[in-house]
Amino acid sequence: MPALIAVSALAGLGTGFALGSMSTYSYDIIPEHARGQLQSLRRTFGQLGQLTGPLAGGALADRFNPGMVFLFMARSISSAPCSSSWLPGRPTKAAPSPDA
């Protein structure tokens, strides 16, 4: 039980740092007029995930077996960086030409 409490505390700490970091980073790259829309989208999809995640996990565990939930999450988490590679990045300045 103490290990579970320690891991839960560590996960809570990590979540707190992650949320602050995401807000700071997104405010750096999003134009000022679109920040409210960004926050509303993040909160909407975050809350939808909290609602549907346990339901989907329970359905997977009930239909197949509990290990299937962990396999699904492992694939989802590991594919997130690949699936986000299509997102637009910051515009970069063109490199100066050697003739200039």
C-alpha atoms as a PDB file:
ATOM      1  CA  MET A   1       0.000   0.000   0.000  1.00  0.00           C
ATOM      2  CA  PRO A   2       2.774   2.545   0.689  1.00  0.00           C
ATOM      3  CA  ALA A   3       4.190   1.943  -2.794  1.00  0.00           C
ATOM      4  CA  LEU A   4       0.785   2.650  -4.340  1.00  0.00           C
ATOM      5  CA  ILE A   5       0.495   5.885  -2.384  1.00  0.00           C
ATOM      6  CA  ALA A   6       3.993   6.944  -3.429  1.00  0.00           C
ATOM      7  CA  VAL A   7       3.376   6.183  -7.110  1.00  0.00           C
ATOM      8  CA  SER A   8       0.026   8.006  -7.001  1.00  0.00           C
ATOM      9  CA  ALA A   9       1.676  11.050  -5.434  1.00  0.00           C
ATOM     10  CA  LEU A  10       4.404  10.984  -8.070  1.00  0.00           C
ATOM     11  CA  ALA A  11       1.824  10.705 -10.860  1.00  0.00           C
ATOM     12  CA  GLY A  12      -0.108  13.644  -9.412  1.00  0.00           C
ATOM     13  CA  LEU A  13       3.037  15.723  -9.255  1.00  0.00           C
ATOM     14  CA  GLY A  14       3.886  14.858 -12.845  1.00  0.00           C
ATOM     15  CA  THR A  15       0.388  15.772 -13.995  1.00  0.00           C
ATOM     16  CA  GLY A  16       0.605  19.115 -12.236  1.00  0.00           C
ATOM     17  CA  PHE A  17       3.906  19.947 -13.878  1.00  0.00           C
ATOM     18  CA  ALA A  18       2.669  18.743 -17.273  1.00  0.00           C
ATOM     19  CA  LEU A  19      -0.465  20.892 -17.201  1.00  0.00           C
ATOM     20  CA  GLY A  20       1.520  24.012 -16.335  1.00  0.00           C
ATOM     21  CA  SER A  21       4.102  23.259 -18.987  1.00  0.00           C
ATOM     22  CA  MET A  22       1.462  22.644 -21.663  1.00  0.00           C
ATOM     23  CA  SER A  23      -0.249  25.940 -20.894  1.00  0.00           C
ATOM     24  CA  THR A  24       3.008  27.875 -20.968  1.00  0.00           C
ATOM     25  CA  TYR A  25       4.181  26.258 -24.194  1.00  0.00           C
ATOM     26  CA  SER A  26       0.847  26.674 -25.949  1.00  0.00           C
ATOM     27  CA  TYR A  27       0.632  30.343 -24.923  1.00  0.00           C
ATOM     28  CA  ASP A  28       4.064  30.869 -26.450  1.00  0.00           C
ATOM     29  CA  ILE A  29       3.075  29.531 -29.868  1.00  0.00           C
ATOM     30  CA  ILE A  30      -0.643  30.395 -30.138  1.00  0.00           C
ATOM     31  CA  PRO A  31      -1.649  33.918 -31.188  1.00  0.00           C
ATOM     32  CA  GLU A  32      -3.248  35.944 -28.415  1.00  0.00           C
ATOM     33  CA  HIS A  33      -6.673  36.053 -30.068  1.00  0.00           C
ATOM     34  CA  ALA A  34      -6.892  32.231 -30.244  1.00  0.00           C
ATOM     35  CA  ARG A  35      -5.833  31.375 -26.681  1.00  0.00           C
ATOM     36  CA  GLY A  36      -9.387  31.168 -25.349  1.00  0.00           C
ATOM     37  CA  GLN A  37     -10.351  28.739 -28.096  1.00  0.00           C
ATOM     38  CA  LEU A  38      -7.284  26.629 -27.340  1.00  0.00           C
ATOM     39  CA  GLN A  39      -8.138  26.464 -23.645  1.00  0.00           C
ATOM     40  CA  SER A  40     -11.747  25.519 -24.359  1.00  0.00           C
ATOM     41  CA  LEU A  41     -10.687  22.752 -26.754  1.00  0.00           C
ATOM     42  CA  ARG A  42      -8.121  21.387 -24.299  1.00  0.00           C
ATOM     43  CA  ARG A  43     -10.635  21.356 -21.456  1.00  0.00           C
ATOM     44  CA  THR A  44     -13.410  19.866 -23.603  1.00  0.00           C
ATOM     45  CA  PHE A  45     -11.346  16.987 -24.913  1.00  0.00           C
ATOM     46  CA  GLY A  46      -9.661  16.456 -21.551  1.00  0.00           C
ATOM     47  CA  GLN A  47     -13.038  16.096 -19.850  1.00  0.00           C
ATOM     48  CA  LEU A  48     -14.353  13.860 -22.639  1.00  0.00           C
ATOM     49  CA  GLY A  49     -11.304  11.640 -22.197  1.00  0.00           C
ATOM     50  CA  GLN A  50     -11.885  11.409 -18.457  1.00  0.00           C
ATOM     51  CA  LEU A  51     -15.484  10.422 -19.094  1.00  0.00           C
ATOM     52  CA  THR A  52     -15.038   7.976 -21.961  1.00  0.00           C
ATOM     53  CA  GLY A  53     -11.654   6.495 -20.973  1.00  0.00           C
ATOM     54  CA  PRO A  54     -12.875   4.402 -18.043  1.00  0.00           C
ATOM     55  CA  LEU A  55     -15.992   3.392 -19.973  1.00  0.00           C
ATOM     56  CA  ALA A  56     -13.945   2.211 -22.944  1.00  0.00           C
ATOM     57  CA  GLY A  57     -11.435   0.494 -20.650  1.00  0.00           C
ATOM     58  CA  GLY A  58     -14.225  -1.301 -18.811  1.00  0.00           C
ATOM     59  CA  ALA A  59     -15.817  -2.383 -22.072  1.00  0.00           C
ATOM     60  CA  LEU A  60     -12.484  -3.730 -23.375  1.00  0.00           C
ATOM     61  CA  ALA A  61     -11.780  -5.544 -20.110  1.00  0.00           C
ATOM     62  CA  ASP A  62     -15.277  -7.016 -20.057  1.00  0.00           C
ATOM     63  CA  ARG A  63     -15.248  -8.075 -23.707  1.00  0.00           C
ATOM     64  CA  PHE A  64     -11.705  -9.440 -23.913  1.00  0.00           C
ATOM     65  CA  ASN A  65      -9.535  -9.437 -20.778  1.00  0.00           C
ATOM     66  CA  PRO A  66      -7.961  -6.824 -18.499  1.00  0.00           C
ATOM     67  CA  GLY A  67      -4.608  -7.124 -20.254  1.00  0.00           C
ATOM     68  CA  MET A  68      -6.211  -5.847 -23.467  1.00  0.00           C
ATOM     69  CA  VAL A  69      -6.759  -2.433 -21.848  1.00  0.00           C
ATOM     70  CA  PHE A  70      -3.025  -2.100 -21.119  1.00  0.00           C
ATOM     71  CA  LEU A  71      -2.114  -3.245 -24.632  1.00  0.00           C
ATOM     72  CA  PHE A  72      -4.476  -0.682 -26.161  1.00  0.00           C
ATOM     73  CA  MET A  73      -3.100   2.113 -23.972  1.00  0.00           C
ATOM     74  CA  ALA A  74       0.500   1.152 -24.709  1.00  0.00           C
ATOM     75  CA  ARG A  75      -0.164   1.356 -28.436  1.00  0.00           C
ATOM     76  CA  SER A  76      -2.059   4.622 -28.091  1.00  0.00           C
ATOM     77  CA  ILE A  77       0.632   6.300 -26.024  1.00  0.00           C
ATOM     78  CA  SER A  78       3.506   5.048 -28.145  1.00  0.00           C
ATOM     79  CA  SER A  79       1.839   6.148 -31.392  1.00  0.00           C
ATOM     80  CA  ALA A  80       1.011   9.676 -30.150  1.00  0.00           C
ATOM     81  CA  PRO A  81       4.348  11.227 -31.162  1.00  0.00           C
ATOM     82  CA  CYS A  82       4.080   9.684 -34.633  1.00  0.00           C
ATOM     83  CA  SER A  83       0.503  10.824 -35.147  1.00  0.00           C
ATOM     84  CA  SER A  84       1.309  14.364 -34.056  1.00  0.00           C
ATOM     85  CA  SER A  85       4.128  14.744 -36.576  1.00  0.00           C
ATOM     86  CA  TRP A  86       1.687  16.212 -39.105  1.00  0.00           C
ATOM     87  CA  LEU A  87       0.905  19.187 -36.854  1.00  0.00           C
ATOM     88  CA  PRO A  88       2.273  22.474 -38.144  1.00  0.00           C
ATOM     89  CA  GLY A  89       5.334  23.809 -36.388  1.00  0.00           C
ATOM     90  CA  ARG A  90       6.664  27.274 -35.921  1.00  0.00           C
ATOM     91  CA  PRO A  91       7.541  29.052 -39.133  1.00  0.00           C
ATOM     92  CA  THR A  92      11.265  29.228 -39.619  1.00  0.00           C
ATOM     93  CA  LYS A  93      13.290  31.931 -41.269  1.00  0.00           C
ATOM     94  CA  ALA A  94      14.987  31.048 -44.490  1.00  0.00           C
ATOM     95  CA  ALA A  95      18.699  30.523 -44.195  1.00  0.00           C
ATOM     96  CA  PRO A  96      20.719  33.396 -45.630  1.00  0.00           C
ATOM     97  CA  SER A  97      22.187  32.684 -49.000  1.00  0.00           C
ATOM     98  CA  PRO A  98      25.984  32.363 -49.194  1.00  0.00           C
ATOM     99  CA  ASP A  99      26.056  35.115 -51.877  1.00  0.00           C
ATOM    100  CA  ALA A 100      24.703  37.773 -49.507  1.00  0.00           C
END
